[in-house]
N, C-alpha and C. Protein backbone atom coordinates (compact mmCIF):
# COMPACT_ATOMS: atom_id res chain seq x y z
N MET A 1 0.85 -1.20 0.00
CA MET A 1 0.00 0.00 0.00
C MET A 1 0.88 1.25 0.00
N ASN A 2 0.57 2.17 -0.86
CA ASN A 2 1.31 3.43 -0.92
C ASN A 2 0.99 4.25 0.32
N LYS A 3 1.96 4.38 1.21
CA LYS A 3 1.73 5.07 2.48
C LYS A 3 1.38 6.54 2.26
N GLU A 4 1.93 7.10 1.17
CA GLU A 4 1.69 8.52 0.89
C GLU A 4 0.19 8.77 0.68
N LYS A 5 -0.44 7.86 -0.05
CA LYS A 5 -1.88 8.02 -0.27
C LYS A 5 -2.60 7.60 1.00
N ASP A 6 -2.58 6.31 1.30
CA ASP A 6 -3.21 5.79 2.51
C ASP A 6 -4.55 6.46 2.81
N ILE A 7 -5.35 6.58 1.77
CA ILE A 7 -6.66 7.24 1.87
C ILE A 7 -7.67 6.37 1.14
N THR A 8 -8.86 6.30 1.68
CA THR A 8 -9.95 5.57 1.01
C THR A 8 -10.94 6.59 0.46
N GLY A 9 -11.43 6.32 -0.73
CA GLY A 9 -12.51 7.13 -1.32
C GLY A 9 -13.83 6.42 -1.05
N ILE A 10 -14.79 7.14 -0.54
CA ILE A 10 -16.11 6.56 -0.26
C ILE A 10 -17.14 7.33 -1.07
N ILE A 11 -17.84 6.62 -1.96
CA ILE A 11 -18.88 7.27 -2.77
C ILE A 11 -20.24 6.84 -2.21
N LEU A 12 -21.00 7.80 -1.74
CA LEU A 12 -22.34 7.51 -1.21
C LEU A 12 -23.33 7.51 -2.38
N ALA A 13 -23.89 6.33 -2.64
CA ALA A 13 -24.80 6.18 -3.77
C ALA A 13 -26.08 5.47 -3.34
N GLY A 14 -26.43 5.67 -2.09
CA GLY A 14 -27.58 4.92 -1.55
C GLY A 14 -28.84 5.74 -1.43
N GLY A 15 -28.83 6.97 -1.93
CA GLY A 15 -30.01 7.83 -1.79
C GLY A 15 -31.21 7.28 -2.52
N LYS A 16 -32.37 7.73 -2.13
CA LYS A 16 -33.61 7.24 -2.75
C LYS A 16 -33.88 7.87 -4.11
N SER A 17 -33.20 9.00 -4.43
CA SER A 17 -33.40 9.69 -5.72
C SER A 17 -34.87 10.01 -5.98
N SER A 18 -35.61 10.33 -4.93
CA SER A 18 -37.06 10.53 -5.09
C SER A 18 -37.38 11.72 -5.99
N ARG A 19 -36.57 12.80 -5.92
CA ARG A 19 -36.86 13.96 -6.76
C ARG A 19 -36.50 13.72 -8.22
N MET A 20 -35.48 12.88 -8.45
CA MET A 20 -35.05 12.62 -9.81
C MET A 20 -35.89 11.51 -10.44
N GLY A 21 -36.34 10.57 -9.62
CA GLY A 21 -37.17 9.49 -10.15
C GLY A 21 -36.36 8.30 -10.67
N LYS A 22 -35.05 8.42 -10.72
CA LYS A 22 -34.22 7.28 -11.12
C LYS A 22 -32.88 7.35 -10.40
N GLU A 23 -32.13 6.27 -10.46
CA GLU A 23 -30.85 6.16 -9.76
C GLU A 23 -29.89 7.25 -10.23
N LYS A 24 -29.55 8.19 -9.35
CA LYS A 24 -28.77 9.36 -9.78
C LYS A 24 -27.36 9.01 -10.23
N GLY A 25 -26.71 8.09 -9.54
CA GLY A 25 -25.33 7.76 -9.89
C GLY A 25 -25.18 7.17 -11.28
N LEU A 26 -26.29 6.67 -11.83
CA LEU A 26 -26.25 6.05 -13.15
C LEU A 26 -26.77 6.97 -14.25
N LEU A 27 -27.19 8.19 -13.88
CA LEU A 27 -27.58 9.17 -14.90
C LEU A 27 -26.36 9.52 -15.75
N LEU A 28 -26.62 9.85 -17.00
CA LEU A 28 -25.52 10.14 -17.90
C LEU A 28 -25.32 11.64 -18.10
N LEU A 29 -24.06 12.04 -18.14
CA LEU A 29 -23.67 13.39 -18.50
C LEU A 29 -22.56 13.21 -19.54
N ASN A 30 -22.79 13.70 -20.74
CA ASN A 30 -21.85 13.44 -21.85
C ASN A 30 -21.59 11.94 -22.02
N ASN A 31 -22.67 11.16 -21.96
CA ASN A 31 -22.61 9.69 -22.14
C ASN A 31 -21.78 8.95 -21.10
N LYS A 32 -21.55 9.58 -19.96
CA LYS A 32 -20.79 8.93 -18.90
C LYS A 32 -21.63 8.99 -17.62
N PRO A 33 -21.76 7.85 -16.89
CA PRO A 33 -22.55 7.87 -15.65
C PRO A 33 -21.94 8.83 -14.62
N PHE A 34 -22.82 9.48 -13.87
CA PHE A 34 -22.39 10.40 -12.82
C PHE A 34 -21.30 9.78 -11.94
N ILE A 35 -21.53 8.52 -11.53
CA ILE A 35 -20.61 7.91 -10.58
C ILE A 35 -19.21 7.74 -11.17
N GLN A 36 -19.14 7.63 -12.50
CA GLN A 36 -17.82 7.50 -13.15
C GLN A 36 -17.00 8.78 -12.92
N TYR A 37 -17.68 9.93 -12.91
CA TYR A 37 -16.99 11.20 -12.64
C TYR A 37 -16.42 11.20 -11.21
N SER A 38 -17.22 10.68 -10.27
CA SER A 38 -16.76 10.60 -8.87
C SER A 38 -15.55 9.69 -8.76
N ILE A 39 -15.62 8.55 -9.44
CA ILE A 39 -14.51 7.58 -9.42
C ILE A 39 -13.24 8.23 -9.97
N GLU A 40 -13.37 8.91 -11.10
CA GLU A 40 -12.20 9.52 -11.74
C GLU A 40 -11.61 10.66 -10.92
N ALA A 41 -12.47 11.40 -10.21
CA ALA A 41 -11.97 12.50 -9.36
C ALA A 41 -11.19 11.93 -8.17
N LEU A 42 -11.64 10.80 -7.64
CA LEU A 42 -11.01 10.20 -6.46
C LEU A 42 -9.75 9.39 -6.79
N GLN A 43 -9.74 8.69 -7.92
CA GLN A 43 -8.69 7.71 -8.20
C GLN A 43 -7.25 8.18 -8.00
N PRO A 44 -6.87 9.40 -8.45
CA PRO A 44 -5.48 9.80 -8.25
C PRO A 44 -5.08 10.02 -6.79
N LEU A 45 -6.06 10.11 -5.89
CA LEU A 45 -5.79 10.49 -4.50
C LEU A 45 -5.90 9.35 -3.50
N VAL A 46 -6.49 8.23 -3.92
CA VAL A 46 -6.82 7.18 -2.95
C VAL A 46 -6.23 5.83 -3.33
N ASN A 47 -6.15 4.95 -2.34
CA ASN A 47 -5.71 3.57 -2.58
C ASN A 47 -6.87 2.66 -2.94
N GLN A 48 -8.02 2.96 -2.37
CA GLN A 48 -9.19 2.12 -2.61
C GLN A 48 -10.42 3.00 -2.67
N ILE A 49 -11.41 2.56 -3.45
CA ILE A 49 -12.70 3.25 -3.49
C ILE A 49 -13.76 2.25 -3.05
N ILE A 50 -14.69 2.74 -2.24
CA ILE A 50 -15.82 1.93 -1.80
C ILE A 50 -17.09 2.66 -2.23
N ILE A 51 -17.99 1.94 -2.88
CA ILE A 51 -19.31 2.50 -3.21
C ILE A 51 -20.29 1.98 -2.16
N VAL A 52 -21.03 2.89 -1.55
CA VAL A 52 -22.03 2.48 -0.55
C VAL A 52 -23.40 2.54 -1.23
N SER A 53 -23.95 1.37 -1.53
CA SER A 53 -25.26 1.29 -2.18
C SER A 53 -25.76 -0.15 -2.11
N SER A 54 -27.08 -0.32 -2.07
CA SER A 54 -27.65 -1.66 -2.13
C SER A 54 -27.97 -2.04 -3.57
N ASN A 55 -27.70 -1.12 -4.51
CA ASN A 55 -28.03 -1.35 -5.92
C ASN A 55 -26.89 -2.12 -6.61
N THR A 56 -27.18 -3.34 -7.03
CA THR A 56 -26.15 -4.18 -7.67
C THR A 56 -25.74 -3.66 -9.05
N ASP A 57 -26.49 -2.72 -9.63
CA ASP A 57 -26.11 -2.14 -10.93
C ASP A 57 -24.73 -1.48 -10.86
N TYR A 58 -24.32 -1.06 -9.66
CA TYR A 58 -23.02 -0.41 -9.52
C TYR A 58 -21.85 -1.40 -9.63
N ASP A 59 -22.16 -2.69 -9.57
CA ASP A 59 -21.09 -3.69 -9.64
C ASP A 59 -20.36 -3.68 -10.98
N VAL A 60 -20.98 -3.13 -12.02
CA VAL A 60 -20.33 -3.09 -13.35
C VAL A 60 -19.05 -2.24 -13.32
N PHE A 61 -18.91 -1.39 -12.32
CA PHE A 61 -17.72 -0.53 -12.25
C PHE A 61 -16.50 -1.24 -11.66
N GLY A 62 -16.72 -2.48 -11.17
CA GLY A 62 -15.61 -3.27 -10.66
C GLY A 62 -14.98 -2.71 -9.40
N ILE A 63 -15.79 -2.02 -8.61
CA ILE A 63 -15.32 -1.39 -7.37
C ILE A 63 -16.06 -2.02 -6.20
N LYS A 64 -15.36 -2.16 -5.09
CA LYS A 64 -15.98 -2.75 -3.89
C LYS A 64 -17.25 -1.98 -3.54
N ARG A 65 -18.34 -2.72 -3.40
CA ARG A 65 -19.61 -2.10 -3.03
C ARG A 65 -20.07 -2.69 -1.70
N VAL A 66 -20.48 -1.83 -0.78
CA VAL A 66 -20.99 -2.29 0.51
C VAL A 66 -22.38 -1.69 0.73
N GLU A 67 -23.14 -2.34 1.55
CA GLU A 67 -24.49 -1.84 1.86
C GLU A 67 -24.53 -1.26 3.26
N ASP A 68 -25.53 -0.43 3.50
CA ASP A 68 -25.71 0.14 4.84
C ASP A 68 -25.82 -0.99 5.86
N ILE A 69 -25.15 -0.83 6.97
CA ILE A 69 -25.24 -1.80 8.06
C ILE A 69 -26.58 -1.60 8.78
N ILE A 70 -27.01 -0.34 8.86
CA ILE A 70 -28.32 0.00 9.42
C ILE A 70 -29.13 0.57 8.24
N PRO A 71 -29.96 -0.25 7.59
CA PRO A 71 -30.62 0.18 6.35
C PRO A 71 -31.64 1.30 6.54
N ASP A 72 -31.89 1.99 5.41
CA ASP A 72 -32.92 3.04 5.34
C ASP A 72 -32.76 4.11 6.41
N SER A 73 -31.52 4.53 6.63
CA SER A 73 -31.27 5.54 7.67
C SER A 73 -30.49 6.74 7.15
N GLY A 74 -30.60 7.00 5.84
CA GLY A 74 -30.04 8.22 5.27
C GLY A 74 -28.53 8.25 5.16
N PRO A 75 -27.99 9.45 4.90
CA PRO A 75 -26.56 9.60 4.65
C PRO A 75 -25.66 9.23 5.83
N VAL A 76 -26.16 9.39 7.06
CA VAL A 76 -25.34 9.01 8.23
C VAL A 76 -25.07 7.51 8.18
N ALA A 77 -26.08 6.73 7.76
CA ALA A 77 -25.92 5.27 7.66
C ALA A 77 -24.94 4.92 6.54
N GLY A 78 -25.02 5.65 5.42
CA GLY A 78 -24.09 5.41 4.32
C GLY A 78 -22.66 5.70 4.73
N LEU A 79 -22.49 6.80 5.41
CA LEU A 79 -21.17 7.19 5.90
C LEU A 79 -20.65 6.15 6.91
N HIS A 80 -21.54 5.73 7.81
CA HIS A 80 -21.18 4.72 8.81
C HIS A 80 -20.68 3.43 8.13
N ALA A 81 -21.40 2.98 7.10
CA ALA A 81 -21.01 1.75 6.40
C ALA A 81 -19.66 1.93 5.70
N GLY A 82 -19.50 3.05 5.01
CA GLY A 82 -18.25 3.30 4.30
C GLY A 82 -17.06 3.37 5.24
N LEU A 83 -17.21 4.10 6.35
CA LEU A 83 -16.11 4.24 7.31
C LEU A 83 -15.81 2.92 8.02
N THR A 84 -16.85 2.14 8.28
CA THR A 84 -16.65 0.84 8.93
C THR A 84 -15.82 -0.09 8.05
N HIS A 85 -16.08 -0.06 6.75
CA HIS A 85 -15.36 -0.94 5.80
C HIS A 85 -14.00 -0.38 5.40
N SER A 86 -13.76 0.90 5.65
CA SER A 86 -12.48 1.51 5.28
C SER A 86 -11.36 0.97 6.17
N LYS A 87 -10.17 0.87 5.57
CA LYS A 87 -9.00 0.41 6.34
C LYS A 87 -8.03 1.56 6.60
N THR A 88 -8.43 2.78 6.27
CA THR A 88 -7.52 3.92 6.44
C THR A 88 -8.11 4.96 7.39
N GLU A 89 -7.21 5.73 7.99
CA GLU A 89 -7.67 6.78 8.91
C GLU A 89 -8.39 7.90 8.16
N ASN A 90 -7.84 8.28 7.00
CA ASN A 90 -8.41 9.38 6.22
C ASN A 90 -9.28 8.85 5.08
N ASN A 91 -10.44 9.47 4.95
CA ASN A 91 -11.42 9.02 3.96
C ASN A 91 -12.03 10.21 3.24
N LEU A 92 -11.90 10.22 1.92
CA LEU A 92 -12.54 11.26 1.12
C LEU A 92 -13.94 10.77 0.77
N VAL A 93 -14.93 11.48 1.25
CA VAL A 93 -16.32 11.08 1.02
C VAL A 93 -16.96 12.03 0.01
N VAL A 94 -17.60 11.44 -1.00
CA VAL A 94 -18.32 12.23 -2.00
C VAL A 94 -19.67 11.57 -2.25
N SER A 95 -20.60 12.35 -2.78
CA SER A 95 -21.88 11.75 -3.17
C SER A 95 -21.83 11.50 -4.68
N CYS A 96 -22.65 10.58 -5.13
CA CYS A 96 -22.60 10.19 -6.54
C CYS A 96 -23.28 11.20 -7.45
N ASP A 97 -23.84 12.26 -6.88
CA ASP A 97 -24.63 13.18 -7.72
C ASP A 97 -24.00 14.56 -7.87
N ALA A 98 -22.67 14.61 -7.79
CA ALA A 98 -21.94 15.88 -8.01
C ALA A 98 -20.90 15.62 -9.10
N PRO A 99 -21.34 15.50 -10.36
CA PRO A 99 -20.46 15.04 -11.43
C PRO A 99 -19.35 16.02 -11.84
N LEU A 100 -19.42 17.26 -11.39
CA LEU A 100 -18.38 18.22 -11.78
C LEU A 100 -17.21 18.27 -10.80
N LEU A 101 -17.28 17.46 -9.76
CA LEU A 101 -16.22 17.39 -8.76
C LEU A 101 -14.89 17.06 -9.43
N THR A 102 -13.81 17.71 -8.98
CA THR A 102 -12.50 17.47 -9.59
C THR A 102 -11.50 16.97 -8.55
N THR A 103 -10.46 16.33 -9.05
CA THR A 103 -9.37 15.88 -8.19
C THR A 103 -8.73 17.07 -7.49
N THR A 104 -8.54 18.16 -8.23
CA THR A 104 -7.91 19.37 -7.69
C THR A 104 -8.69 19.91 -6.50
N LEU A 105 -10.01 19.91 -6.62
CA LEU A 105 -10.84 20.41 -5.52
C LEU A 105 -10.72 19.49 -4.31
N LEU A 106 -10.75 18.19 -4.52
CA LEU A 106 -10.64 17.24 -3.41
C LEU A 106 -9.28 17.34 -2.72
N GLU A 107 -8.25 17.69 -3.48
CA GLU A 107 -6.91 17.86 -2.89
C GLU A 107 -6.90 18.93 -1.81
N LYS A 108 -7.76 19.94 -1.96
CA LYS A 108 -7.83 21.01 -0.95
C LYS A 108 -8.19 20.45 0.43
N LEU A 109 -9.03 19.42 0.44
CA LEU A 109 -9.41 18.80 1.72
C LEU A 109 -8.21 18.08 2.33
N LEU A 110 -7.39 17.48 1.48
CA LEU A 110 -6.26 16.68 1.97
C LEU A 110 -5.15 17.53 2.59
N HIS A 111 -5.13 18.82 2.29
CA HIS A 111 -4.13 19.71 2.91
C HIS A 111 -4.24 19.68 4.44
N TYR A 112 -5.43 19.33 4.94
CA TYR A 112 -5.69 19.38 6.38
C TYR A 112 -5.72 18.00 7.02
N LYS A 113 -5.30 16.96 6.29
CA LYS A 113 -5.46 15.60 6.82
C LYS A 113 -4.60 15.33 8.05
N LYS A 114 -3.53 16.07 8.23
CA LYS A 114 -2.68 15.83 9.40
C LYS A 114 -3.14 16.61 10.63
N GLU A 115 -4.07 17.52 10.42
CA GLU A 115 -4.60 18.29 11.57
C GLU A 115 -5.55 17.41 12.39
N ASP A 116 -5.83 17.85 13.59
CA ASP A 116 -6.63 17.02 14.49
C ASP A 116 -8.13 17.28 14.36
N ASN A 117 -8.62 17.31 13.13
CA ASN A 117 -10.05 17.46 12.91
C ASN A 117 -10.65 16.10 12.62
N ASP A 118 -11.92 15.92 13.02
CA ASP A 118 -12.63 14.69 12.65
C ASP A 118 -13.11 14.79 11.21
N ILE A 119 -13.50 16.01 10.84
CA ILE A 119 -14.10 16.25 9.52
C ILE A 119 -13.51 17.54 8.93
N VAL A 120 -13.25 17.53 7.64
CA VAL A 120 -12.92 18.77 6.92
C VAL A 120 -13.92 18.85 5.78
N GLN A 121 -14.73 19.91 5.78
CA GLN A 121 -15.79 20.04 4.78
C GLN A 121 -15.67 21.38 4.05
N PHE A 122 -16.37 21.48 2.93
CA PHE A 122 -16.43 22.72 2.17
C PHE A 122 -17.66 23.53 2.57
N GLU A 123 -17.59 24.81 2.20
CA GLU A 123 -18.74 25.70 2.37
C GLU A 123 -18.84 26.52 1.09
N ALA A 124 -20.06 26.64 0.57
CA ALA A 124 -20.29 27.46 -0.63
C ALA A 124 -21.58 28.24 -0.42
N GLU A 125 -21.55 29.50 -0.73
CA GLU A 125 -22.73 30.37 -0.60
C GLU A 125 -23.35 30.28 0.80
N GLY A 126 -22.48 30.20 1.81
CA GLY A 126 -22.96 30.17 3.19
C GLY A 126 -23.51 28.84 3.65
N LYS A 127 -23.47 27.82 2.77
CA LYS A 127 -23.98 26.50 3.13
C LYS A 127 -22.81 25.51 3.20
N THR A 128 -22.80 24.71 4.26
CA THR A 128 -21.75 23.70 4.37
C THR A 128 -22.10 22.49 3.50
N ILE A 129 -21.06 21.77 3.10
CA ILE A 129 -21.25 20.64 2.18
C ILE A 129 -20.62 19.39 2.79
N PRO A 130 -21.31 18.76 3.74
CA PRO A 130 -20.73 17.59 4.41
C PRO A 130 -20.68 16.33 3.53
N LEU A 131 -21.28 16.40 2.32
CA LEU A 131 -21.23 15.24 1.43
C LEU A 131 -20.02 15.28 0.50
N THR A 132 -19.22 16.32 0.60
CA THR A 132 -17.92 16.35 -0.09
C THR A 132 -16.94 16.76 1.00
N ALA A 133 -16.35 15.77 1.66
CA ALA A 133 -15.56 16.09 2.86
C ALA A 133 -14.55 14.99 3.16
N LEU A 134 -13.61 15.34 4.03
CA LEU A 134 -12.63 14.38 4.53
C LEU A 134 -13.08 13.96 5.92
N TYR A 135 -13.26 12.65 6.12
CA TYR A 135 -13.70 12.12 7.41
C TYR A 135 -12.63 11.17 7.95
N LYS A 136 -12.36 11.29 9.25
CA LYS A 136 -11.50 10.31 9.90
C LYS A 136 -12.32 9.04 10.17
N LYS A 137 -11.66 7.92 10.14
CA LYS A 137 -12.35 6.63 10.37
C LYS A 137 -13.09 6.62 11.71
N ARG A 138 -12.52 7.31 12.70
CA ARG A 138 -13.13 7.30 14.05
C ARG A 138 -14.53 7.91 14.07
N CYS A 139 -14.90 8.65 13.03
CA CYS A 139 -16.26 9.24 12.98
C CYS A 139 -17.34 8.16 12.93
N SER A 140 -16.96 6.93 12.55
CA SER A 140 -17.96 5.85 12.45
C SER A 140 -18.64 5.60 13.80
N HIS A 141 -17.91 5.79 14.91
CA HIS A 141 -18.49 5.56 16.24
C HIS A 141 -19.63 6.55 16.51
N LYS A 142 -19.39 7.81 16.15
CA LYS A 142 -20.42 8.84 16.36
C LYS A 142 -21.61 8.59 15.43
N CYS A 143 -21.32 8.14 14.20
CA CYS A 143 -22.41 7.79 13.26
C CYS A 143 -23.32 6.75 13.90
N LEU A 144 -22.71 5.70 14.45
CA LEU A 144 -23.49 4.63 15.05
C LEU A 144 -24.31 5.14 16.24
N GLU A 145 -23.66 5.96 17.04
CA GLU A 145 -24.35 6.54 18.21
C GLU A 145 -25.62 7.30 17.77
N LEU A 146 -25.48 8.12 16.72
CA LEU A 146 -26.63 8.89 16.22
C LEU A 146 -27.68 7.98 15.62
N LEU A 147 -27.24 6.97 14.86
CA LEU A 147 -28.19 6.05 14.23
C LEU A 147 -29.00 5.30 15.27
N LEU A 148 -28.37 4.95 16.37
CA LEU A 148 -29.10 4.25 17.44
C LEU A 148 -30.13 5.16 18.10
N LEU A 149 -29.93 6.47 17.95
CA LEU A 149 -30.90 7.45 18.46
C LEU A 149 -31.91 7.83 17.35
N GLU A 150 -31.81 7.11 16.21
CA GLU A 150 -32.65 7.36 15.03
C GLU A 150 -32.44 8.75 14.44
N GLU A 151 -31.22 9.25 14.57
CA GLU A 151 -30.85 10.54 13.99
C GLU A 151 -30.16 10.27 12.66
N ARG A 152 -30.72 10.82 11.58
CA ARG A 152 -30.19 10.54 10.24
C ARG A 152 -29.51 11.73 9.59
N ARG A 153 -29.59 12.89 10.21
CA ARG A 153 -29.09 14.11 9.56
C ARG A 153 -27.57 14.24 9.72
N LEU A 154 -26.93 14.42 8.59
CA LEU A 154 -25.48 14.57 8.58
C LEU A 154 -25.04 15.82 9.35
N ARG A 155 -25.86 16.85 9.33
CA ARG A 155 -25.49 18.10 10.02
C ARG A 155 -25.36 17.88 11.54
N LYS A 156 -26.15 16.95 12.06
CA LYS A 156 -26.05 16.62 13.50
C LYS A 156 -24.69 15.99 13.80
N LEU A 157 -24.23 15.15 12.89
CA LEU A 157 -22.93 14.51 13.05
C LEU A 157 -21.83 15.56 13.01
N VAL A 158 -21.91 16.42 12.00
CA VAL A 158 -20.88 17.45 11.80
C VAL A 158 -20.80 18.38 13.01
N SER A 159 -21.96 18.75 13.54
CA SER A 159 -21.94 19.68 14.69
C SER A 159 -21.47 19.01 15.97
N ALA A 160 -21.52 17.67 16.02
CA ALA A 160 -21.11 16.94 17.23
C ALA A 160 -19.61 16.64 17.25
N LEU A 161 -18.93 16.86 16.13
CA LEU A 161 -17.52 16.50 16.02
C LEU A 161 -16.65 17.72 15.74
N GLN A 162 -15.35 17.54 15.85
CA GLN A 162 -14.38 18.61 15.57
C GLN A 162 -14.31 18.78 14.05
N THR A 163 -14.86 19.88 13.55
CA THR A 163 -14.99 20.08 12.11
C THR A 163 -14.31 21.36 11.65
N LYS A 164 -13.57 21.23 10.56
CA LYS A 164 -12.96 22.41 9.92
C LYS A 164 -13.74 22.67 8.64
N THR A 165 -14.05 23.92 8.36
CA THR A 165 -14.80 24.27 7.16
C THR A 165 -13.97 25.19 6.29
N ILE A 166 -13.85 24.82 5.01
CA ILE A 166 -13.08 25.60 4.04
C ILE A 166 -14.03 26.27 3.08
N SER A 167 -13.91 27.58 2.93
CA SER A 167 -14.78 28.29 2.00
C SER A 167 -14.27 28.13 0.57
N LEU A 168 -15.19 27.84 -0.32
CA LEU A 168 -14.84 27.70 -1.73
C LEU A 168 -14.87 29.06 -2.41
N LEU A 169 -14.13 29.18 -3.49
CA LEU A 169 -14.19 30.37 -4.33
C LEU A 169 -15.49 30.30 -5.12
N LYS A 170 -16.01 31.46 -5.50
CA LYS A 170 -17.29 31.50 -6.22
C LYS A 170 -17.27 30.61 -7.46
N LYS A 171 -16.15 30.63 -8.16
CA LYS A 171 -16.06 29.83 -9.41
C LYS A 171 -16.06 28.32 -9.14
N GLU A 172 -15.86 27.93 -7.88
CA GLU A 172 -15.84 26.51 -7.53
C GLU A 172 -17.21 25.98 -7.09
N TYR A 173 -18.18 26.88 -6.88
CA TYR A 173 -19.48 26.46 -6.38
C TYR A 173 -20.09 25.34 -7.23
N ALA A 174 -20.01 25.50 -8.55
CA ALA A 174 -20.64 24.52 -9.46
C ALA A 174 -20.03 23.13 -9.31
N LEU A 175 -18.76 23.08 -8.89
CA LEU A 175 -18.07 21.79 -8.80
C LEU A 175 -18.65 20.88 -7.72
N VAL A 176 -19.27 21.48 -6.71
CA VAL A 176 -19.83 20.68 -5.62
C VAL A 176 -21.35 20.59 -5.68
N ALA A 177 -21.93 21.15 -6.75
CA ALA A 177 -23.39 21.17 -6.87
C ALA A 177 -23.95 19.76 -7.01
N ASN A 178 -24.98 19.47 -6.21
CA ASN A 178 -25.67 18.18 -6.32
C ASN A 178 -26.76 18.30 -7.37
N ILE A 179 -26.92 17.25 -8.15
CA ILE A 179 -27.97 17.20 -9.15
C ILE A 179 -29.12 16.40 -8.55
N ASN A 180 -30.20 17.11 -8.21
CA ASN A 180 -31.32 16.45 -7.53
C ASN A 180 -32.56 16.31 -8.39
N THR A 181 -32.66 17.13 -9.44
CA THR A 181 -33.87 17.11 -10.26
C THR A 181 -33.48 17.11 -11.74
N ILE A 182 -34.46 16.83 -12.59
CA ILE A 182 -34.23 16.87 -14.04
C ILE A 182 -33.80 18.28 -14.45
N GLU A 183 -34.37 19.31 -13.79
CA GLU A 183 -34.01 20.70 -14.10
C GLU A 183 -32.54 20.95 -13.79
N ASP A 184 -32.06 20.43 -12.64
CA ASP A 184 -30.65 20.57 -12.29
C ASP A 184 -29.78 19.95 -13.38
N LEU A 185 -30.20 18.78 -13.85
CA LEU A 185 -29.43 18.05 -14.87
C LEU A 185 -29.39 18.85 -16.16
N LYS A 186 -30.54 19.43 -16.55
CA LYS A 186 -30.58 20.24 -17.78
C LYS A 186 -29.68 21.46 -17.64
N ALA A 187 -29.71 22.08 -16.48
CA ALA A 187 -28.91 23.30 -16.25
C ALA A 187 -27.41 22.98 -16.35
N ILE A 188 -27.00 21.88 -15.75
CA ILE A 188 -25.59 21.52 -15.76
C ILE A 188 -25.14 21.13 -17.17
N THR A 189 -26.03 20.44 -17.91
CA THR A 189 -25.70 20.04 -19.28
C THR A 189 -25.55 21.27 -20.15
N ASN A 190 -26.45 22.25 -19.98
CA ASN A 190 -26.36 23.51 -20.75
C ASN A 190 -25.09 24.26 -20.40
N ALA A 191 -24.74 24.29 -19.12
CA ALA A 191 -23.54 25.02 -18.68
C ALA A 191 -22.29 24.42 -19.32
N ILE A 192 -22.25 23.09 -19.42
CA ILE A 192 -21.08 22.42 -19.99
C ILE A 192 -21.01 22.66 -21.50
N GLU A 193 -22.17 22.69 -22.14
CA GLU A 193 -22.19 22.82 -23.60
C GLU A 193 -21.90 24.25 -24.07
N HIS A 194 -22.04 25.22 -23.17
CA HIS A 194 -21.84 26.63 -23.61
C HIS A 194 -20.56 27.22 -23.05
C-alpha cells in the first residue's frame, strides 16, 4: 500500500433519488454515468474506493460495493457503512450526484489531513457541504451513536464533532453542486455545452 496516499474514497450512492425518479449515480452526462466522474476524481488520490449502495447495478464498475449496516437511515448510515469498511484513517467522502467534482478540488481537503479534525468540509454560498468532505475513520463511532438514536441528519454529526470548514471560491461552487432534479441536470448540461 502506498503510504503517501493511505486514503480511502467513499462514494455515497444509496439515496432514494425521489426527486429525480431514477438512480442518480447512473444518470448520464456526456454519455458517462455520474458515478464515473466521482470515481475519476477520487482515483489519483486514494488507494481504494468503496461504493455504498444496495443497488447491484453499480457492480459493473468493478469497485468494492458495501451496503448500509443499518438500512434506510439516510446519509449518516451510508457514511457509517463506508467508514466501517475503510481500512484507512483518512477518507474522502463524496456523493454520486456531483459530477463536476474534480481531483484538484478534493486535494484542498487533503491539505488538512494531518490536523486534528474529525471532519474537513467545504462551504459554498454560506452552506456547508458535508457530502464532499474528509472524514477520519473514528467518525464511524459517532455515526453509530446517532443512528441508534434514530438521527439521520449529517449536520447533527458534523456539529457533534471537531470540524474544519473551508470556503470555496465563487467559481468553484458549481463543482460541488448536487444534481437532484431533471431541471438541475438540464442546467448543468447547458452550462457544460456553452
